[in-house]
């Protein structure tokens, strides 16, 4: 992958004392109530930019995307957002506690040259959905700004970048704050040119595996292609040829990629018995009843699908004091019968089986109605 340092915009801590009050989770991981709370939290909360409110009175020229552009310009003009003076690669650390265990995940944040998905340089995590892409494309077109990092992991044979991170972590961070989710965050700016060159050179022969943000990545590709087609002087060095990514080392002891669950709105014709019967074509299914006196339903579900085995496990909850543990019977089915052109690792992702074998084959949810019926969330309790 080809990566570059860049001059990022960051909140001006002279004007925003509590940076934690203006950060927000990804747009797809928020309910309307969550969004309303963030709106009330600060007039400068980032949710106003990348997931602004939509109104029935919106027009082609006055809508969530045009308002995001106006806000962004205003915040820059009034020094709410200030740009770093020189191109840097950022090092970003998140520290969180999950299940009583504290994890620290450190990554580099840099511009990455856009490559077609599956080219061998950028590897996918799931199928994108056109409705989400359209929404993101309108925002990108209106603002001409990259406001949300795409998350990737990389795999290095030696721990040279990993060791470099440990060295850099000893220095005082340039920014440090926490958010409501009890997530501690630190940012370092790497401006020393030999260190930048070292990082850039090490990424040249490494592939990147998208863990979060494939829809946004494909949106950037679409935008690049449009800009390229309409720029007779295109050189390949323009900013639209790159996107901002966070790059996590797979060898990191603290790397945690939290799952994105799927809430499915059942159609009027939904039958739990028929759902289970149809799913048995692919899955071995066990109904597990939970005694509320022992532990919560959610905790039991999590424990029942956790495994170190190379197999796909899915928990399905339809209401009541029970759930279904679904274990894919043939781990190679997706590779053999559905996506033979994709890698074995991709085909064994739980999400791929969920999307294809359950949402598509059983619920018959299509591209056109996906966002009507499916709601992604990182919360177990949503």
Protein backbone atom coordinates (compact mmCIF):
# COMPACT_ATOMS: atom_id res chain seq x y z
CA UNK A 1 0.00 0.00 0.00
CA UNK A 2 1.13 3.53 -0.73
CA UNK A 3 0.65 5.81 2.27
CA UNK A 4 1.42 9.50 2.77
CA UNK A 5 1.58 11.98 5.67
CA UNK A 6 -0.98 14.79 5.61
CA UNK A 7 -2.01 18.03 7.30
CA UNK A 8 -5.07 17.09 9.27
CA UNK A 9 -7.71 19.36 10.80
CA UNK A 10 -8.20 18.93 14.54
CA UNK A 11 -10.32 20.62 17.20
CA UNK A 12 -8.72 23.76 18.58
CA UNK A 13 -8.25 23.03 22.29
CA UNK A 14 -8.05 26.77 23.01
CA UNK A 15 -11.73 26.93 22.10
CA UNK A 16 -12.85 23.35 22.79
CA UNK A 17 -11.65 22.58 26.30
CA UNK A 18 -13.32 19.16 26.52
CA UNK A 19 -12.61 17.34 23.26
CA UNK A 20 -14.59 14.38 24.57
CA UNK A 21 -17.75 16.49 24.23
CA UNK A 22 -17.35 16.90 20.47
CA UNK A 23 -16.37 13.40 19.36
CA UNK A 24 -19.01 10.87 18.34
CA UNK A 25 -19.22 7.21 17.27
CA UNK A 26 -19.60 6.16 13.62
CA UNK A 27 -22.85 7.25 11.96
CA UNK A 28 -24.10 3.66 11.60
CA UNK A 29 -23.76 2.96 15.32
CA UNK A 30 -26.20 5.58 16.57
CA UNK A 31 -29.90 5.56 17.27
CA UNK A 32 -31.87 8.77 16.77
CA UNK A 33 -31.87 9.22 20.56
CA UNK A 34 -28.06 8.92 20.58
CA UNK A 35 -27.82 11.50 17.83
CA UNK A 36 -30.15 13.90 19.67
CA UNK A 37 -28.04 13.58 22.82
CA UNK A 38 -24.87 14.42 20.90
CA UNK A 39 -26.56 17.43 19.30
CA UNK A 40 -27.42 18.73 22.76
CA UNK A 41 -23.98 17.97 24.11
CA UNK A 42 -22.17 20.55 22.01
CA UNK A 43 -22.90 22.85 19.10
CA UNK A 44 -19.59 21.64 17.69
CA UNK A 45 -20.14 17.89 18.05
CA UNK A 46 -18.86 16.11 14.95
CA UNK A 47 -22.19 14.28 14.48
CA UNK A 48 -23.50 17.54 13.01
CA UNK A 49 -21.05 17.15 10.14
CA UNK A 50 -21.20 13.50 9.11
CA UNK A 51 -24.70 12.55 10.28
CA UNK A 52 -26.67 15.77 10.26
CA UNK A 53 -30.41 15.91 10.76
CA UNK A 54 -32.73 15.58 7.80
CA UNK A 55 -36.03 17.45 7.55
CA UNK A 56 -39.17 17.08 5.47
CA UNK A 57 -38.56 20.59 4.17
CA UNK A 58 -35.12 19.72 2.76
CA UNK A 59 -34.47 20.72 -0.85
CA UNK A 60 -31.76 20.03 -3.40
CA UNK A 61 -29.87 23.11 -2.25
CA UNK A 62 -30.73 23.03 1.47
CA UNK A 63 -30.26 19.61 3.03
CA UNK A 64 -28.14 17.69 5.53
CA UNK A 65 -25.19 17.62 3.15
CA UNK A 66 -25.24 21.30 2.18
CA UNK A 67 -25.60 22.21 5.86
CA UNK A 68 -22.59 20.00 6.68
CA UNK A 69 -20.57 21.97 4.12
CA UNK A 70 -21.67 25.28 5.65
CA UNK A 71 -20.83 24.09 9.16
CA UNK A 72 -17.44 22.75 8.14
CA UNK A 73 -16.51 26.02 6.40
CA UNK A 74 -17.71 28.02 9.40
CA UNK A 75 -15.78 25.93 11.93
CA UNK A 76 -12.59 26.30 9.89
CA UNK A 77 -13.12 30.03 9.38
CA UNK A 78 -13.69 30.56 13.10
CA UNK A 79 -10.75 28.36 14.15
CA UNK A 80 -12.91 25.72 15.80
CA UNK A 81 -11.01 23.34 13.54
CA UNK A 82 -7.38 24.18 12.86
CA UNK A 83 -5.01 22.57 10.41
CA UNK A 84 -1.63 21.20 11.41
CA UNK A 85 1.23 23.25 10.02
CA UNK A 86 3.12 20.38 8.38
CA UNK A 87 2.34 16.95 6.92
CA UNK A 88 2.53 14.25 9.57
CA UNK A 89 1.59 10.66 10.19
CA UNK A 90 -0.53 10.41 13.31
CA UNK A 91 -0.33 7.69 15.92
CA UNK A 92 -3.65 7.09 17.61
CA UNK A 93 -4.23 5.00 20.73
CA UNK A 94 -7.53 3.82 22.16
CA UNK A 95 -7.68 2.25 25.62
CA UNK A 96 -10.87 0.54 26.69
CA UNK A 97 -12.09 -2.03 29.20
CA UNK A 98 -14.13 -4.98 27.92
CA UNK A 99 -15.26 -7.78 30.19
CA UNK A 100 -13.01 -6.51 32.96
CA UNK A 101 -9.91 -6.62 30.72
CA UNK A 102 -8.15 -3.44 29.60
CA UNK A 103 -6.99 -3.27 25.97
CA UNK A 104 -4.87 -0.64 24.25
CA UNK A 105 -4.96 -0.57 20.47
CA UNK A 106 -2.46 1.72 18.76
CA UNK A 107 -2.49 2.51 15.05
CA UNK A 108 -1.07 4.84 12.47
CA UNK A 109 -3.37 7.31 10.72
CA UNK A 110 -2.28 8.31 7.24
CA UNK A 111 -3.52 8.94 3.73
CA UNK A 112 -3.69 5.74 1.68
CA UNK A 113 -3.71 5.73 -2.10
CA UNK A 114 -7.02 4.34 -3.37
CA UNK A 115 -6.85 0.97 -5.08
CA UNK A 116 -9.66 -1.15 -6.47
CA UNK A 117 -11.13 -3.56 -3.91
CA UNK A 118 -9.56 -7.01 -4.13
CA UNK A 119 -6.58 -5.77 -6.15
CA UNK A 120 -4.26 -7.46 -3.68
CA UNK A 121 -3.54 -4.18 -1.91
CA UNK A 122 -6.91 -3.38 -0.30
CA UNK A 123 -8.93 -6.40 0.81
CA UNK A 124 -12.67 -6.23 1.60
CA UNK A 125 -14.63 -7.15 4.72
CA UNK A 126 -18.20 -7.27 3.42
CA UNK A 127 -20.50 -6.39 0.55
CA UNK A 128 -21.41 -2.70 0.40
CA UNK A 129 -24.98 -1.49 0.15
CA UNK A 130 -25.93 1.07 -2.46
CA UNK A 131 -28.25 3.07 -0.22
CA UNK A 132 -25.50 3.70 2.36
CA UNK A 133 -23.03 4.50 -0.40
CA UNK A 134 -25.38 7.04 -1.96
CA UNK A 135 -25.73 8.84 1.35
CA UNK A 136 -21.96 8.89 1.96
CA UNK A 137 -21.31 9.97 -1.63
CA UNK A 138 -23.60 12.97 -1.31
CA UNK A 139 -21.80 14.03 1.86
CA UNK A 140 -18.36 13.63 0.29
CA UNK A 141 -19.41 15.49 -2.85
CA UNK A 142 -20.89 18.36 -0.88
CA UNK A 143 -18.03 18.82 1.59
CA UNK A 144 -15.04 17.51 -0.38
CA UNK A 145 -13.78 16.39 3.01
CA UNK A 146 -12.74 13.07 4.55
CA UNK A 147 -14.27 13.11 8.04
CA UNK A 148 -14.27 9.47 9.11
CA UNK A 149 -11.33 7.09 9.17
CA UNK A 150 -11.56 3.71 7.47
CA UNK A 151 -10.13 1.02 9.73
CA UNK A 152 -7.68 -1.60 8.44
CA UNK A 153 -5.26 -4.14 9.80
CA UNK A 154 -1.91 -5.06 8.29
CA UNK A 155 0.34 -8.03 8.83
CA UNK A 156 4.10 -7.61 9.05
CA UNK A 157 6.49 -10.52 9.24
CA UNK A 158 8.75 -8.75 11.70
CA UNK A 159 7.64 -6.48 14.51
CA UNK A 160 9.48 -3.41 13.28
CA UNK A 161 6.44 -1.12 13.10
CA UNK A 162 5.07 -2.64 16.27
CA UNK A 163 8.36 -1.88 18.07
CA UNK A 164 8.39 1.64 16.65
CA UNK A 165 4.95 2.27 18.11
CA UNK A 166 6.17 1.20 21.53
CA UNK A 167 9.06 3.66 21.28
CA UNK A 168 6.85 6.54 20.14
CA UNK A 169 4.35 5.83 22.90
CA UNK A 170 6.99 6.84 25.46
CA UNK A 171 6.75 10.43 24.23
CA UNK A 172 4.12 12.87 25.50
CA UNK A 173 0.99 12.74 23.31
CA UNK A 174 -0.08 15.87 21.43
CA UNK A 175 -3.69 15.32 22.47
CA UNK A 176 -5.39 13.25 25.16
CA UNK A 177 -9.09 12.94 25.98
CA UNK A 178 -11.84 10.52 26.93
CA UNK A 179 -15.38 9.99 25.65
CA UNK A 180 -18.63 8.91 27.28
CA UNK A 181 -17.98 5.28 26.44
CA UNK A 182 -15.06 5.37 28.90
CA UNK A 183 -12.75 5.24 25.92
CA UNK A 184 -9.37 6.84 26.60
CA UNK A 185 -7.78 8.34 23.49
CA UNK A 186 -4.33 9.73 22.72
CA UNK A 187 -2.84 11.24 19.56
CA UNK A 188 0.81 11.74 18.64
CA UNK A 189 2.07 13.66 15.59
CA UNK A 190 5.00 12.04 13.78
CA UNK A 191 6.83 14.81 11.93
CA UNK A 192 10.44 13.55 11.95
CA UNK A 193 11.08 12.81 8.28
CA UNK A 194 13.30 9.73 8.71
CA UNK A 195 10.58 8.14 10.87
CA UNK A 196 7.92 9.01 8.28
CA UNK A 197 10.09 7.51 5.53
CA UNK A 198 10.58 4.36 7.62
CA UNK A 199 6.82 3.92 8.05
CA UNK A 200 6.01 4.67 4.40
CA UNK A 201 8.63 2.22 3.13
CA UNK A 202 7.38 -0.58 5.36
CA UNK A 203 3.84 -0.29 4.01
CA UNK A 204 4.85 -0.48 0.35
CA UNK A 205 4.83 -4.29 0.28
CA UNK A 206 1.93 -4.87 2.67
CA UNK A 207 -1.76 -5.41 1.93
CA UNK A 208 -4.44 -3.76 4.03
CA UNK A 209 -7.52 -5.61 5.25
CA UNK A 210 -10.58 -3.43 5.84
CA UNK A 211 -12.18 -4.14 9.21
CA UNK A 212 -14.61 -1.24 9.27
CA UNK A 213 -15.67 1.23 6.60
CA UNK A 214 -15.87 -0.65 3.31
CA UNK A 215 -18.90 1.35 2.19
CA UNK A 216 -16.98 4.56 2.83
CA UNK A 217 -13.97 3.17 0.97
CA UNK A 218 -16.02 2.30 -2.09
CA UNK A 219 -17.63 5.74 -1.87
CA UNK A 220 -14.15 7.28 -2.10
CA UNK A 221 -13.42 5.12 -5.15
CA UNK A 222 -16.60 6.33 -6.82
CA UNK A 223 -15.73 9.95 -6.00
CA UNK A 224 -12.17 9.52 -7.29
CA UNK A 225 -13.45 8.08 -10.57
CA UNK A 226 -15.86 10.99 -11.00
CA UNK A 227 -13.20 13.60 -10.26
CA UNK A 228 -10.69 11.86 -12.52
CA UNK A 229 -13.15 11.74 -15.42
CA UNK A 230 -13.87 15.44 -15.04
CA UNK A 231 -10.29 16.61 -14.62
CA UNK A 232 -8.44 16.81 -17.97
CA UNK A 233 -5.23 17.56 -16.06
CA UNK A 234 -5.47 14.56 -13.75
CA UNK A 235 -2.04 13.45 -12.50
CA UNK A 236 -2.84 10.88 -9.81
CA UNK A 237 -1.42 13.10 -7.08
CA UNK A 238 -4.63 15.00 -6.32
CA UNK A 239 -6.13 14.62 -2.82
CA UNK A 240 -9.13 12.72 -4.19
CA UNK A 241 -6.78 9.84 -5.05
CA UNK A 242 -6.29 9.16 -1.33
CA UNK A 243 -8.40 8.50 1.74
CA UNK A 244 -7.71 8.68 5.47
CA UNK A 245 -7.19 5.32 7.18
CA UNK A 246 -6.28 4.00 10.61
CA UNK A 247 -3.77 1.16 10.26
CA UNK A 248 -3.64 -1.40 13.06
CA UNK A 249 -0.89 -3.97 13.47
CA UNK A 250 -2.26 -7.52 13.59
CA UNK A 251 0.56 -8.42 15.99
CA UNK A 252 -0.63 -5.93 18.58
CA UNK A 253 -1.48 -7.58 21.89
CA UNK A 254 -4.27 -5.08 22.50
CA UNK A 255 -6.05 -5.04 19.17
CA UNK A 256 -9.79 -5.48 19.58
CA UNK A 257 -12.19 -5.36 16.66
CA UNK A 258 -15.66 -5.27 18.15
CA UNK A 259 -18.41 -6.99 16.16
CA UNK A 260 -21.16 -5.06 14.46
CA UNK A 261 -24.42 -6.84 15.18
CA UNK A 262 -27.50 -6.77 12.97
CA UNK A 263 -30.98 -5.94 14.15
CA UNK A 264 -33.51 -7.26 11.64
CA UNK A 265 -37.02 -5.85 11.40
CA UNK A 266 -39.20 -8.88 10.76
CA UNK A 267 -41.70 -8.60 7.89
CA UNK A 268 -45.39 -9.06 8.67
CA UNK A 269 -45.23 -12.60 7.31
CA UNK A 270 -42.36 -13.59 9.63
CA UNK A 271 -42.63 -17.01 11.24
CA UNK A 272 -40.01 -18.01 13.78
CA UNK A 273 -40.59 -21.71 13.05
CA UNK A 274 -40.18 -21.17 9.32
CA UNK A 275 -37.05 -19.06 9.89
CA UNK A 276 -35.43 -21.87 11.89
CA UNK A 277 -36.56 -24.57 9.44
CA UNK A 278 -35.15 -22.70 6.43
CA UNK A 279 -31.89 -21.90 8.22
CA UNK A 280 -31.30 -25.59 8.91
CA UNK A 281 -30.27 -26.00 5.29
CA UNK A 282 -26.96 -24.41 6.31
CA UNK A 283 -26.76 -24.39 10.10
CA UNK A 284 -26.88 -26.78 12.99
CA UNK A 285 -29.32 -25.01 15.33
CA UNK A 286 -29.78 -25.39 19.07
CA UNK A 287 -32.42 -23.60 21.16
CA UNK A 288 -30.94 -22.39 24.44
CA UNK A 289 -33.20 -21.32 27.30
CA UNK A 290 -31.72 -18.84 29.76
CA UNK A 291 -32.48 -18.88 33.48
CA UNK A 292 -32.79 -15.20 34.36
CA UNK A 293 -31.52 -15.99 37.86
CA UNK A 294 -28.07 -17.00 36.58
CA UNK A 295 -26.96 -14.25 34.21
CA UNK A 296 -28.36 -11.97 31.57
CA UNK A 297 -29.58 -13.30 28.26
CA UNK A 298 -26.99 -11.21 26.44
CA UNK A 299 -24.09 -12.57 28.52
CA UNK A 300 -25.21 -16.12 27.81
CA UNK A 301 -25.51 -15.45 24.09
CA UNK A 302 -22.00 -14.01 23.97
CA UNK A 303 -20.52 -16.98 25.82
CA UNK A 304 -22.35 -19.51 23.68
CA UNK A 305 -21.01 -18.20 20.38
CA UNK A 306 -17.46 -17.47 21.54
CA UNK A 307 -15.06 -20.05 20.16
CA UNK A 308 -11.44 -20.56 19.21
CA UNK A 309 -12.49 -23.08 16.58
CA UNK A 310 -12.38 -22.06 12.91
CA UNK A 311 -16.15 -22.13 12.60
CA UNK A 312 -18.99 -19.68 12.10
CA UNK A 313 -21.35 -19.21 15.06
CA UNK A 314 -24.33 -16.87 15.11
CA UNK A 315 -26.79 -16.14 17.92
CA UNK A 316 -30.35 -15.34 16.82
CA UNK A 317 -32.82 -13.78 19.25
CA UNK A 318 -36.50 -13.57 18.36
CA UNK A 319 -37.90 -12.63 21.78
CA UNK A 320 -38.61 -14.47 25.01
CA UNK A 321 -36.19 -16.11 27.45
CA UNK A 322 -34.27 -18.09 24.84
CA UNK A 323 -32.16 -17.74 21.72
CA UNK A 324 -30.81 -19.94 18.94
CA UNK A 325 -27.16 -20.87 18.55
CA UNK A 326 -26.48 -21.42 14.87
CA UNK A 327 -23.29 -23.18 13.77
CA UNK A 328 -22.46 -23.36 10.06
CA UNK A 329 -22.25 -27.03 9.11
CA UNK A 330 -19.82 -26.67 6.19
CA UNK A 331 -17.12 -24.06 6.81
CA UNK A 332 -16.14 -24.15 3.15
CA UNK A 333 -19.67 -23.76 1.74
CA UNK A 334 -19.34 -20.03 1.02
CA UNK A 335 -16.02 -20.54 -0.76
CA UNK A 336 -17.23 -23.51 -2.79
CA UNK A 337 -20.75 -22.45 -3.68
CA UNK A 338 -21.12 -18.69 -3.28
CA UNK A 339 -17.89 -16.71 -3.69
CA UNK A 340 -15.27 -19.01 -5.25
CA UNK A 341 -13.35 -15.98 -6.48
CA UNK A 342 -12.85 -14.62 -2.94
CA UNK A 343 -10.17 -15.66 -0.46
CA UNK A 344 -10.77 -18.49 2.00
CA UNK A 345 -10.28 -16.06 4.89
CA UNK A 346 -12.95 -13.70 3.55
CA UNK A 347 -15.41 -16.52 2.96
CA UNK A 348 -15.05 -17.70 6.55
CA UNK A 349 -16.02 -14.38 8.09
CA UNK A 350 -19.17 -14.75 10.21
CA UNK A 351 -20.59 -11.63 8.59
CA UNK A 352 -20.42 -13.12 5.10
CA UNK A 353 -22.46 -16.15 6.17
CA UNK A 354 -24.93 -13.92 8.01
CA UNK A 355 -25.48 -11.64 5.02
CA UNK A 356 -25.73 -14.34 2.39
CA UNK A 357 -27.26 -17.38 4.10
CA UNK A 358 -29.65 -15.65 6.51
CA UNK A 359 -30.44 -12.09 5.42
CA UNK A 360 -30.40 -12.90 1.71
CA UNK A 361 -31.49 -16.53 1.40
CA UNK A 362 -33.87 -16.80 4.37
CA UNK A 363 -35.25 -13.26 4.85
CA UNK A 364 -34.95 -12.34 1.15
CA UNK A 365 -33.63 -8.90 2.03
CA UNK A 366 -32.37 -7.20 -1.13
CA UNK A 367 -30.10 -4.26 -1.89
CA UNK A 368 -33.17 -2.07 -2.37
CA UNK A 369 -34.71 -2.72 1.06
CA UNK A 370 -31.61 -3.60 3.11
CA UNK A 371 -31.52 -0.39 5.14
CA UNK A 372 -35.28 -0.55 5.70
CA UNK A 373 -34.99 -3.91 7.45
CA UNK A 374 -31.43 -4.13 8.80
CA UNK A 375 -29.89 -1.91 11.49
CA UNK A 376 -26.18 -2.32 12.35
CA UNK A 377 -25.16 -1.74 15.96
CA UNK A 378 -22.16 -2.43 18.18
CA UNK A 379 -24.35 -2.68 21.29
CA UNK A 380 -25.32 -6.11 22.54
CA UNK A 381 -28.38 -4.62 24.20
CA UNK A 382 -29.84 -2.66 21.27
